[in-house]
Amino acid sequence: MGEVSLPAAGVQPARRIRASEVDGPRARPPIKALALAALALVASVGQGQPATPALPEGMELSKPLSLVQCVRIALAVSPGVFVAQNGVRQATAAVTQARSAQLPNLAFEGSAGASRRRGTLGGGGGAPTGSPSSTSWGTDLVLSQTLYQSGLSEGIRSARASERASRLGLDDTRRTTILNVAQNYYAALAATALVDVAGRTLENAARHVEMATAKIAAGTVAQSDLYPFEVEMAQARLGAITVENQAQTSLTALKEAMGLPAGTQLQLADELGRPPLTGTLPDLLQTAYRERPDVRRQQALIEAARLNARVADIERGPVLDVSGGATYGTGSGATGTDAQVQAGVTFPLFDGGFTKARAQSARAALDSSRQALQQLHIAVGAEVESSYLNAVEANNRIDAAEAAVRAAQVSLEVAEERYGAEVGIGTFIEVTDAQVSLRQAEVDRVQAYYDYNTALAALRAAIGQAAVEGVE
């Protein structure tokens, strides 16, 4: 479906008003000043308008885009996805930092110095004397290794659990991004369909005006029959203007969801369809609890909090630390090697309650994480159930809306035929009422298709799947 455009009938372009018509004659500004002002305006516009981001390969905004293409663009350029990716990088770096304490450390150390001593013989009145300059230097190759440290392995496992939570957070960001794009895409399709409804309503109103005009000319009806149809025409024009604006604002919301700047030209290729609704509510709930990335993320956060609480308990003492090292050095004095193994035990006797308070805080954080998972389970269940019920209701409403449109079309055809007969057996009221019923039936049909598609997308997202098929 292409870009919507429906000019409002009877609307004339406004005449440009000259400055002299408002304020009277003015002196012409210098040409140089005009040029400088124009350059400043162009520069300010260029700085204020964000550039269109680089699109995935094969994507062109000059062509109509399918829903799958819009989602892929959003996943490639959305700032929210970039933020989540950076969070994963930070968590990965934190794991590397934690693991480094278990790995050998090798360092090179070097130093150099020079000194010279000056003095006198026999005190202050003697002949000056001195020693030649002396220099010293040395280089060391130092190897150190932590053999054991209380709480070290738990800290590393906690960092890994946090990294896993960050990756699942990225998956959840992708899930919500896809759903947001899908909902806005369906809203734009629905708005475009309403533009088509308004166009058909406007065409019917024009035909009704022609019918009444012809019957007035033939002398079969009074002039007053024309007025209701003229009102119908005016209302159809107003409705067309309104839905055209709604279509444009829907495209603006879609561009925002995709991460595209305002002013980007966008055309849509799909239409509102009726994909099948599969699965039972109990099965969908189990899938959601098992597959939702935000649920799995919270489970990883619980594991990280549990390990943090374990580390906090360990650090209350006693803390054992065993390390070893070796040094090879050479310099102006001597050359040789040195090796050592060290073991130590730390037990805090009094630290103002610091370690105890830290352990209590870690246990409270663990309990909060567990309660957050319970709350998330409740919210996920409600989201799945409501999305499923909305999809079922909208799916049933589509059948009823299709039947209502067919009946309203027949009713309008009969009313027009009765009114247009040479010996009029129908009235203009039958025609206008039938037209109102048809327009409402078509609007209800568009709404039913929109509600079904958005509910189905929300249901897929609620169980942890991509809201759009064909997107990984």
Protein backbone atom coordinates (compact mmCIF):
# COMPACT_ATOMS: atom_id res chain seq x y z
CA MET A 1 0.00 0.00 0.00
CA GLY A 2 1.56 3.25 -1.07
CA GLU A 3 1.88 6.54 0.70
CA VAL A 4 -1.53 8.00 1.46
CA SER A 5 -2.51 11.30 -0.13
CA LEU A 6 -6.05 12.63 -0.41
CA PRO A 7 -6.43 16.33 -1.32
CA ALA A 8 -9.38 18.00 0.36
CA ALA A 9 -11.93 18.99 -2.25
CA GLY A 10 -12.74 22.66 -2.53
CA VAL A 11 -9.68 23.86 -0.61
CA GLN A 12 -7.78 26.52 -2.54
CA PRO A 13 -4.13 27.40 -1.89
CA ALA A 14 -3.62 30.56 0.14
CA ARG A 15 -2.30 33.65 -1.71
CA ARG A 16 1.18 34.75 -0.64
CA ILE A 17 1.03 38.22 0.94
CA ARG A 18 3.77 40.69 0.11
CA ALA A 19 5.52 42.48 2.92
CA SER A 20 4.65 45.82 1.35
CA GLU A 21 0.95 45.01 1.66
CA VAL A 22 1.31 44.76 5.43
CA ASP A 23 3.91 47.30 6.47
CA GLY A 24 4.16 49.54 3.43
CA PRO A 25 7.25 50.13 1.27
CA ARG A 26 10.61 49.17 2.73
CA ALA A 27 14.19 49.88 1.81
CA ARG A 28 15.94 46.92 0.20
CA PRO A 29 18.52 45.32 2.48
CA PRO A 30 22.02 45.03 1.05
CA ILE A 31 22.60 41.93 -1.10
CA LYS A 32 25.60 40.93 1.06
CA ALA A 33 23.45 40.98 4.19
CA LEU A 34 20.84 38.82 2.50
CA ALA A 35 23.48 36.31 1.43
CA LEU A 36 24.95 36.09 4.94
CA ALA A 37 21.50 35.62 6.45
CA ALA A 38 20.71 32.83 3.99
CA LEU A 39 23.97 31.04 4.77
CA ALA A 40 23.29 31.31 8.50
CA LEU A 41 19.79 29.89 8.02
CA VAL A 42 21.07 26.94 5.99
CA ALA A 43 23.76 26.22 8.56
CA SER A 44 21.29 26.32 11.44
CA VAL A 45 18.89 24.00 9.65
CA GLY A 46 21.67 21.56 8.84
CA GLN A 47 22.80 21.47 12.45
CA GLY A 48 19.31 21.05 13.88
CA GLN A 49 18.09 18.29 11.53
CA PRO A 50 19.48 14.85 12.45
CA ALA A 51 20.87 12.88 9.54
CA THR A 52 19.14 9.73 8.35
CA PRO A 53 21.05 6.80 9.90
CA ALA A 54 22.74 4.18 7.77
CA LEU A 55 20.17 1.58 6.75
CA PRO A 56 20.74 -2.18 6.46
CA GLU A 57 21.96 -3.43 3.12
CA GLY A 58 19.20 -3.61 0.51
CA MET A 59 16.86 -1.20 2.32
CA GLU A 60 15.71 1.90 0.46
CA LEU A 61 13.29 4.45 1.88
CA SER A 62 12.32 5.47 -1.65
CA LYS A 63 10.44 2.18 -2.02
CA PRO A 64 7.42 0.92 -0.07
CA LEU A 65 8.53 -1.00 3.02
CA SER A 66 7.01 -4.14 4.47
CA LEU A 67 6.59 -4.62 8.19
CA VAL A 68 9.57 -6.97 8.30
CA GLN A 69 11.75 -4.37 6.58
CA CYS A 70 10.64 -1.65 9.00
CA VAL A 71 11.50 -3.89 11.95
CA ARG A 72 14.94 -4.66 10.56
CA ILE A 73 15.63 -0.97 10.08
CA ALA A 74 14.56 -0.27 13.66
CA LEU A 75 16.80 -3.01 15.06
CA ALA A 76 19.72 -1.61 13.06
CA VAL A 77 19.37 2.08 13.95
CA SER A 78 17.32 2.31 17.15
CA PRO A 79 19.21 4.15 19.94
CA GLY A 80 17.57 1.92 22.54
CA VAL A 81 19.11 -1.17 20.97
CA PHE A 82 22.53 0.52 20.91
CA VAL A 83 22.21 1.37 24.62
CA ALA A 84 21.41 -2.27 25.44
CA GLN A 85 24.37 -3.46 23.33
CA ASN A 86 26.69 -1.14 25.23
CA GLY A 87 25.33 -2.58 28.47
CA VAL A 88 26.38 -6.04 27.27
CA ARG A 89 29.86 -4.74 26.44
CA GLN A 90 30.18 -3.26 29.91
CA ALA A 91 29.08 -6.51 31.55
CA THR A 92 31.53 -8.51 29.42
CA ALA A 93 34.35 -6.18 30.46
CA ALA A 94 33.35 -6.63 34.10
CA VAL A 95 33.73 -10.41 33.72
CA THR A 96 37.20 -9.94 32.24
CA GLN A 97 38.17 -7.72 35.15
CA ALA A 98 36.89 -10.25 37.68
CA ARG A 99 38.67 -13.19 36.00
CA SER A 100 41.97 -11.32 35.81
CA ALA A 101 42.47 -11.87 39.54
CA GLN A 102 42.75 -15.64 38.89
CA LEU A 103 45.26 -15.32 36.06
CA PRO A 104 49.04 -14.81 36.29
CA ASN A 105 50.29 -11.25 36.15
CA LEU A 106 53.60 -10.52 34.44
CA ALA A 107 55.13 -7.06 34.72
CA PHE A 108 58.39 -5.39 33.73
CA GLU A 109 59.94 -2.91 36.15
CA GLY A 110 62.93 -0.70 35.49
CA SER A 111 64.76 2.04 37.36
CA ALA A 112 67.87 4.19 36.97
CA GLY A 113 69.57 6.81 39.14
CA ALA A 114 72.66 8.98 39.46
CA SER A 115 74.35 10.69 42.45
CA ARG A 116 77.45 12.80 43.22
CA ARG A 117 78.85 13.83 46.63
CA ARG A 118 80.91 16.98 47.22
CA GLY A 119 82.82 18.03 50.40
CA THR A 120 86.10 19.55 51.86
CA LEU A 121 89.14 18.17 53.68
CA GLY A 122 89.57 19.08 57.33
CA GLY A 123 86.31 20.86 57.69
CA GLY A 124 85.15 24.02 56.07
CA GLY A 125 88.63 25.54 55.43
CA GLY A 126 90.25 22.58 53.77
CA ALA A 127 90.77 21.86 50.12
CA PRO A 128 87.71 20.79 48.28
CA THR A 129 87.38 17.17 47.45
CA GLY A 130 84.73 15.01 45.76
CA SER A 131 83.94 11.62 44.45
CA PRO A 132 83.17 10.72 40.89
CA SER A 133 79.56 10.46 39.83
CA SER A 134 77.86 7.16 40.62
CA THR A 135 75.00 5.59 38.68
CA SER A 136 72.71 2.69 39.36
CA TRP A 137 70.16 0.84 37.32
CA GLY A 138 68.06 -2.23 37.50
CA THR A 139 65.43 -4.17 35.63
CA ASP A 140 63.03 -6.78 37.00
CA LEU A 141 60.64 -9.22 35.44
CA VAL A 142 57.95 -9.90 38.04
CA LEU A 143 55.52 -12.81 37.88
CA SER A 144 52.69 -13.04 40.44
CA GLN A 145 49.78 -15.43 40.82
CA THR A 146 46.84 -15.55 43.21
CA LEU A 147 46.57 -19.19 44.24
CA TYR A 148 43.47 -18.85 46.39
CA GLN A 149 41.34 -16.02 47.72
CA SER A 150 38.16 -16.40 49.69
CA GLY A 151 35.12 -15.27 47.68
CA LEU A 152 37.03 -14.82 44.41
CA SER A 153 35.31 -17.62 42.47
CA GLU A 154 31.88 -16.46 43.71
CA GLY A 155 32.61 -12.93 42.52
CA ILE A 156 33.55 -14.21 39.06
CA ARG A 157 30.39 -16.29 38.83
CA SER A 158 28.35 -13.27 39.92
CA ALA A 159 29.90 -11.18 37.14
CA ARG A 160 29.05 -13.91 34.63
CA ALA A 161 25.44 -14.02 35.84
CA SER A 162 25.24 -10.23 35.45
CA GLU A 163 26.60 -10.54 31.90
CA ARG A 164 23.97 -13.16 31.11
CA ALA A 165 21.32 -10.80 32.49
CA SER A 166 22.63 -8.00 30.24
CA ARG A 167 22.41 -10.21 27.15
CA LEU A 168 18.85 -11.18 28.05
CA GLY A 169 18.13 -7.49 28.60
CA LEU A 170 19.28 -6.87 25.03
CA ASP A 171 16.92 -9.61 23.83
CA ASP A 172 14.08 -7.99 25.75
CA THR A 173 14.89 -4.59 24.25
CA ARG A 174 14.73 -6.14 20.78
CA ARG A 175 11.41 -7.78 21.70
CA THR A 176 9.82 -4.51 22.83
CA THR A 177 11.29 -2.62 19.85
CA ILE A 178 9.76 -5.09 17.41
CA LEU A 179 6.39 -4.86 19.16
CA ASN A 180 6.48 -1.05 19.14
CA VAL A 181 7.24 -0.94 15.42
CA ALA A 182 4.54 -3.52 14.65
CA GLN A 183 1.85 -1.65 16.58
CA ASN A 184 2.72 1.65 14.91
CA TYR A 185 2.90 -0.02 11.48
CA TYR A 186 -0.58 -1.48 11.95
CA ALA A 187 -1.84 1.91 13.14
CA ALA A 188 -0.48 3.50 9.96
CA LEU A 189 -2.12 0.79 7.82
CA ALA A 190 -5.43 1.32 9.60
CA ALA A 191 -5.20 5.08 9.11
CA THR A 192 -4.49 4.53 5.41
CA ALA A 193 -7.51 2.22 5.16
CA LEU A 194 -9.67 4.90 6.78
CA VAL A 195 -8.45 7.35 4.12
CA ASP A 196 -9.76 4.91 1.52
CA VAL A 197 -13.10 4.73 3.38
CA ALA A 198 -13.28 8.52 3.42
CA GLY A 199 -12.56 8.60 -0.30
CA ARG A 200 -15.39 6.17 -1.06
CA THR A 201 -17.72 8.14 1.21
CA LEU A 202 -16.84 11.32 -0.65
CA GLU A 203 -17.51 9.63 -4.01
CA ASN A 204 -20.91 8.38 -2.82
CA ALA A 205 -21.82 11.83 -1.51
CA ALA A 206 -20.95 13.39 -4.88
CA ARG A 207 -23.09 10.79 -6.65
CA HIS A 208 -26.01 11.54 -4.35
CA VAL A 209 -25.73 15.26 -5.15
CA GLU A 210 -25.83 14.41 -8.85
CA MET A 211 -28.89 12.19 -8.36
CA ALA A 212 -30.79 14.90 -6.49
CA THR A 213 -29.78 17.56 -9.01
CA ALA A 214 -31.05 15.40 -11.88
CA LYS A 215 -34.36 14.71 -10.16
CA ILE A 216 -34.82 18.41 -9.37
CA ALA A 217 -34.19 19.23 -13.01
CA ALA A 218 -36.76 16.61 -14.02
CA GLY A 219 -39.26 18.11 -11.60
CA THR A 220 -39.80 14.91 -9.64
CA VAL A 221 -38.52 16.23 -6.29
CA ALA A 222 -38.36 19.59 -4.63
CA GLN A 223 -35.23 21.72 -4.32
CA SER A 224 -35.12 20.89 -0.63
CA ASP A 225 -34.01 17.33 -1.44
CA LEU A 226 -30.60 18.69 -2.45
CA TYR A 227 -29.75 20.24 0.90
CA PRO A 228 -29.27 17.01 2.92
CA PHE A 229 -26.94 15.69 0.22
CA GLU A 230 -24.93 18.90 0.27
CA VAL A 231 -24.58 18.49 4.05
CA GLU A 232 -23.48 14.90 3.42
CA MET A 233 -20.86 16.16 0.95
CA ALA A 234 -19.52 18.77 3.38
CA GLN A 235 -19.29 16.22 6.19
CA ALA A 236 -17.49 13.78 3.90
CA ARG A 237 -14.92 16.46 3.05
CA LEU A 238 -14.36 17.23 6.73
CA GLY A 239 -13.96 13.55 7.49
CA ALA A 240 -11.46 13.14 4.65
CA ILE A 241 -9.34 16.02 5.98
CA THR A 242 -9.34 14.51 9.47
CA VAL A 243 -8.34 10.99 8.47
CA GLU A 244 -5.68 12.30 6.09
CA ASN A 245 -4.04 14.10 8.99
CA GLN A 246 -4.35 10.98 11.13
CA ALA A 247 -2.59 8.98 8.43
CA GLN A 248 0.30 11.42 8.34
CA THR A 249 0.67 11.52 12.13
CA SER A 250 0.58 7.70 12.20
CA LEU A 251 3.51 7.64 9.79
CA THR A 252 5.32 10.12 12.04
CA ALA A 253 4.84 7.83 15.03
CA LEU A 254 6.08 4.87 12.99
CA LYS A 255 9.23 6.76 11.97
CA GLU A 256 9.90 7.58 15.60
CA ALA A 257 9.52 3.92 16.56
CA MET A 258 11.94 2.97 13.79
CA GLY A 259 14.52 5.52 14.89
CA LEU A 260 14.17 7.66 11.76
CA PRO A 261 14.22 11.47 11.94
CA ALA A 262 11.15 13.57 11.26
CA GLY A 263 10.76 14.57 7.63
CA THR A 264 11.83 11.15 6.31
CA GLN A 265 9.61 10.00 3.46
CA LEU A 266 8.04 6.64 4.24
CA GLN A 267 5.74 4.39 2.22
CA LEU A 268 4.08 1.17 3.37
CA ALA A 269 3.81 -2.01 1.32
CA ASP A 270 1.57 -4.29 3.42
CA GLU A 271 -2.15 -4.38 4.17
CA LEU A 272 -4.06 -5.42 7.27
CA GLY A 273 -4.52 -9.17 7.09
CA ARG A 274 -5.83 -11.99 9.23
CA PRO A 275 -3.04 -14.36 10.25
CA PRO A 276 -4.18 -17.42 12.20
CA LEU A 277 -4.48 -17.47 15.98
CA THR A 278 -2.95 -20.68 17.34
CA GLY A 279 -2.35 -22.15 20.79
CA THR A 280 -4.38 -22.49 23.96
CA LEU A 281 -4.11 -20.09 26.88
CA PRO A 282 -2.47 -22.61 29.30
CA ASP A 283 0.18 -23.51 26.71
CA LEU A 284 0.83 -19.86 25.93
CA LEU A 285 1.29 -19.07 29.63
CA GLN A 286 3.82 -21.87 30.07
CA THR A 287 5.71 -20.68 27.00
CA ALA A 288 5.83 -17.15 28.37
CA TYR A 289 7.18 -18.20 31.77
CA ARG A 290 9.83 -20.32 30.02
CA GLU A 291 10.84 -18.12 27.08
CA ARG A 292 10.31 -14.47 28.04
CA PRO A 293 13.73 -12.76 28.05
CA ASP A 294 12.74 -10.42 30.88
CA VAL A 295 11.77 -13.42 33.05
CA ARG A 296 15.05 -15.18 32.28
CA ARG A 297 16.91 -11.92 32.89
CA GLN A 298 15.36 -11.61 36.34
CA GLN A 299 16.37 -15.20 37.09
CA ALA A 300 19.96 -14.35 36.14
CA LEU A 301 19.83 -11.27 38.37
CA ILE A 302 18.68 -13.48 41.26
CA GLU A 303 21.71 -15.73 40.71
CA ALA A 304 24.02 -12.71 40.66
CA ALA A 305 22.43 -11.37 43.85
CA ARG A 306 22.77 -14.77 45.56
CA LEU A 307 26.48 -14.90 44.74
CA ASN A 308 26.97 -11.31 45.88
CA ALA A 309 25.34 -12.19 49.19
CA ARG A 310 27.68 -15.19 49.48
CA VAL A 311 30.71 -12.95 48.86
CA ALA A 312 29.49 -10.48 51.49
CA ASP A 313 29.16 -13.30 54.04
CA ILE A 314 32.64 -14.60 53.23
CA GLU A 315 34.18 -11.18 53.68
CA ARG A 316 32.91 -11.06 57.26
CA GLY A 317 35.86 -13.36 57.95
CA PRO A 318 38.06 -15.15 58.18
CA VAL A 319 39.35 -14.37 54.66
CA LEU A 320 42.19 -16.55 53.35
CA ASP A 321 44.59 -15.29 50.70
CA VAL A 322 47.37 -17.43 49.17
CA SER A 323 49.63 -16.05 46.43
CA GLY A 324 52.98 -16.79 44.86
CA GLY A 325 55.46 -14.98 42.70
CA ALA A 326 58.88 -14.95 41.10
CA THR A 327 61.24 -12.16 40.14
CA TYR A 328 64.18 -12.14 37.77
CA GLY A 329 66.29 -9.02 38.04
CA THR A 330 69.50 -7.61 36.70
CA GLY A 331 71.24 -4.32 37.25
CA SER A 332 74.34 -2.45 38.30
CA GLY A 333 74.54 -4.36 41.56
CA ALA A 334 73.72 -8.01 40.89
CA THR A 335 71.68 -10.38 38.80
CA GLY A 336 69.50 -13.12 40.17
CA THR A 337 66.10 -14.65 40.74
CA ASP A 338 63.76 -14.67 43.68
CA ALA A 339 60.63 -16.75 44.38
CA GLN A 340 58.17 -16.71 47.23
CA VAL A 341 54.80 -18.03 48.39
CA GLN A 342 52.67 -16.05 50.81
CA ALA A 343 49.59 -16.94 52.82
CA GLY A 344 47.51 -14.68 54.98
CA VAL A 345 44.33 -14.66 57.01
CA THR A 346 42.22 -11.58 57.67
CA PHE A 347 39.54 -11.40 60.32
CA PRO A 348 37.94 -8.01 60.97
CA LEU A 349 37.61 -7.46 64.70
CA PHE A 350 35.97 -4.04 64.52
CA ASP A 351 35.08 -2.06 61.41
CA GLY A 352 32.17 0.00 62.64
CA GLY A 353 29.67 -2.63 61.44
CA PHE A 354 30.68 -2.18 57.80
CA THR A 355 30.99 -5.85 56.77
CA LYS A 356 27.85 -6.85 58.70
CA ALA A 357 25.83 -4.06 57.10
CA ARG A 358 27.15 -5.01 53.66
CA ALA A 359 26.04 -8.60 54.16
CA GLN A 360 22.59 -7.48 55.32
CA SER A 361 22.27 -5.20 52.28
CA ALA A 362 23.24 -8.05 49.94
CA ARG A 363 20.66 -10.40 51.51
CA ALA A 364 17.98 -7.70 51.19
CA ALA A 365 18.89 -7.21 47.52
CA LEU A 366 18.57 -10.97 46.98
CA ASP A 367 15.13 -11.03 48.59
CA SER A 368 14.03 -8.04 46.49
CA SER A 369 15.17 -9.80 43.33
CA ARG A 370 13.12 -12.86 44.22
CA GLN A 371 10.05 -10.76 44.95
CA ALA A 372 10.56 -8.93 41.65
CA LEU A 373 10.46 -12.27 39.83
CA GLN A 374 7.17 -13.13 41.52
CA GLN A 375 5.72 -9.76 40.53
CA LEU A 376 6.99 -10.24 36.98
CA HIS A 377 5.29 -13.65 36.77
CA ILE A 378 1.99 -12.05 37.75
CA ALA A 379 2.40 -9.25 35.20
CA VAL A 380 3.42 -11.66 32.43
CA GLY A 381 0.42 -13.90 33.10
CA ALA A 382 -1.95 -10.93 32.97
CA GLU A 383 -0.34 -9.66 29.77
CA VAL A 384 -0.63 -13.02 28.02
CA GLU A 385 -4.21 -13.58 29.13
CA SER A 386 -5.44 -10.11 28.15
CA SER A 387 -3.67 -10.25 24.77
CA TYR A 388 -5.14 -13.67 24.07
CA LEU A 389 -8.68 -12.60 24.98
CA ASN A 390 -8.35 -9.41 22.92
CA ALA A 391 -7.15 -11.40 19.92
CA VAL A 392 -10.03 -13.88 20.18
CA GLU A 393 -12.58 -11.08 20.53
CA ALA A 394 -11.19 -9.09 17.61
CA ASN A 395 -11.00 -12.21 15.44
CA ASN A 396 -14.69 -12.90 16.03
CA ARG A 397 -15.49 -9.24 15.44
CA ILE A 398 -13.93 -9.39 11.97
CA ASP A 399 -16.57 -11.87 10.79
CA ALA A 400 -19.35 -9.70 12.17
CA ALA A 401 -17.84 -6.56 10.62
CA GLU A 402 -17.52 -8.19 7.20
CA ALA A 403 -21.18 -9.23 7.33
CA ALA A 404 -22.21 -5.72 8.41
CA VAL A 405 -20.34 -4.16 5.47
CA ARG A 406 -21.99 -6.50 2.98
CA ALA A 407 -25.45 -5.75 4.40
CA ALA A 408 -24.80 -1.99 4.44
CA GLN A 409 -23.64 -2.05 0.81
CA VAL A 410 -26.83 -3.82 -0.26
CA SER A 411 -28.91 -1.41 1.82
CA LEU A 412 -27.29 1.61 0.13
CA GLU A 413 -27.74 0.13 -3.34
CA VAL A 414 -31.44 -0.48 -2.66
CA ALA A 415 -31.93 3.01 -1.20
CA GLU A 416 -30.21 4.64 -4.20
CA GLU A 417 -32.27 2.55 -6.60
CA ARG A 418 -35.51 3.47 -4.86
CA TYR A 419 -34.63 7.17 -4.77
CA GLY A 420 -33.40 7.23 -8.36
CA ALA A 421 -36.46 5.63 -9.88
CA GLU A 422 -38.51 7.75 -12.28
CA VAL A 423 -41.46 7.46 -9.96
CA GLY A 424 -39.65 7.99 -6.69
CA ILE A 425 -40.67 5.48 -4.06
CA GLY A 426 -37.76 6.29 -1.76
CA THR A 427 -36.69 9.40 0.10
CA PHE A 428 -33.39 11.15 0.57
CA ILE A 429 -33.51 10.11 4.24
CA GLU A 430 -33.20 6.43 3.24
CA VAL A 431 -30.12 7.24 1.13
CA THR A 432 -28.33 9.33 3.74
CA ASP A 433 -29.10 6.84 6.51
CA ALA A 434 -27.82 3.97 4.38
CA GLN A 435 -24.64 5.89 3.59
CA VAL A 436 -24.02 6.61 7.28
CA SER A 437 -24.52 2.92 8.08
CA LEU A 438 -22.11 1.86 5.33
CA ARG A 439 -19.43 4.28 6.44
CA GLN A 440 -19.72 3.14 10.06
CA ALA A 441 -19.62 -0.52 9.01
CA GLU A 442 -16.44 0.06 6.99
CA VAL A 443 -14.83 1.95 9.88
CA ASP A 444 -15.78 -0.89 12.25
CA ARG A 445 -14.21 -3.41 9.86
CA VAL A 446 -10.93 -1.48 9.75
CA GLN A 447 -10.96 -1.20 13.55
CA ALA A 448 -11.56 -4.95 13.92
CA TYR A 449 -8.63 -5.82 11.64
CA TYR A 450 -6.40 -3.31 13.44
CA ASP A 451 -7.38 -4.61 16.89
CA TYR A 452 -6.78 -8.21 15.81
CA ASN A 453 -3.34 -7.57 14.34
CA THR A 454 -2.16 -5.50 17.29
CA ALA A 455 -3.53 -8.04 19.79
CA LEU A 456 -1.84 -10.89 17.95
CA ALA A 457 1.47 -9.01 17.86
CA ALA A 458 1.13 -8.25 21.59
CA LEU A 459 0.39 -11.92 22.27
CA ARG A 460 3.48 -13.09 20.38
CA ALA A 461 5.61 -10.59 22.27
CA ALA A 462 3.98 -11.56 25.57
CA ILE A 463 5.09 -15.19 25.21
CA GLY A 464 8.65 -14.16 24.39
CA GLN A 465 8.53 -14.46 20.60
CA ALA A 466 9.15 -11.76 18.01
CA ALA A 467 5.90 -9.86 17.41
CA VAL A 468 6.52 -10.14 13.66
CA GLU A 469 7.07 -13.44 11.87
CA GLY A 470 10.22 -13.55 9.77
CA VAL A 471 12.29 -11.51 12.23
CA GLU A 472 14.82 -13.26 14.46
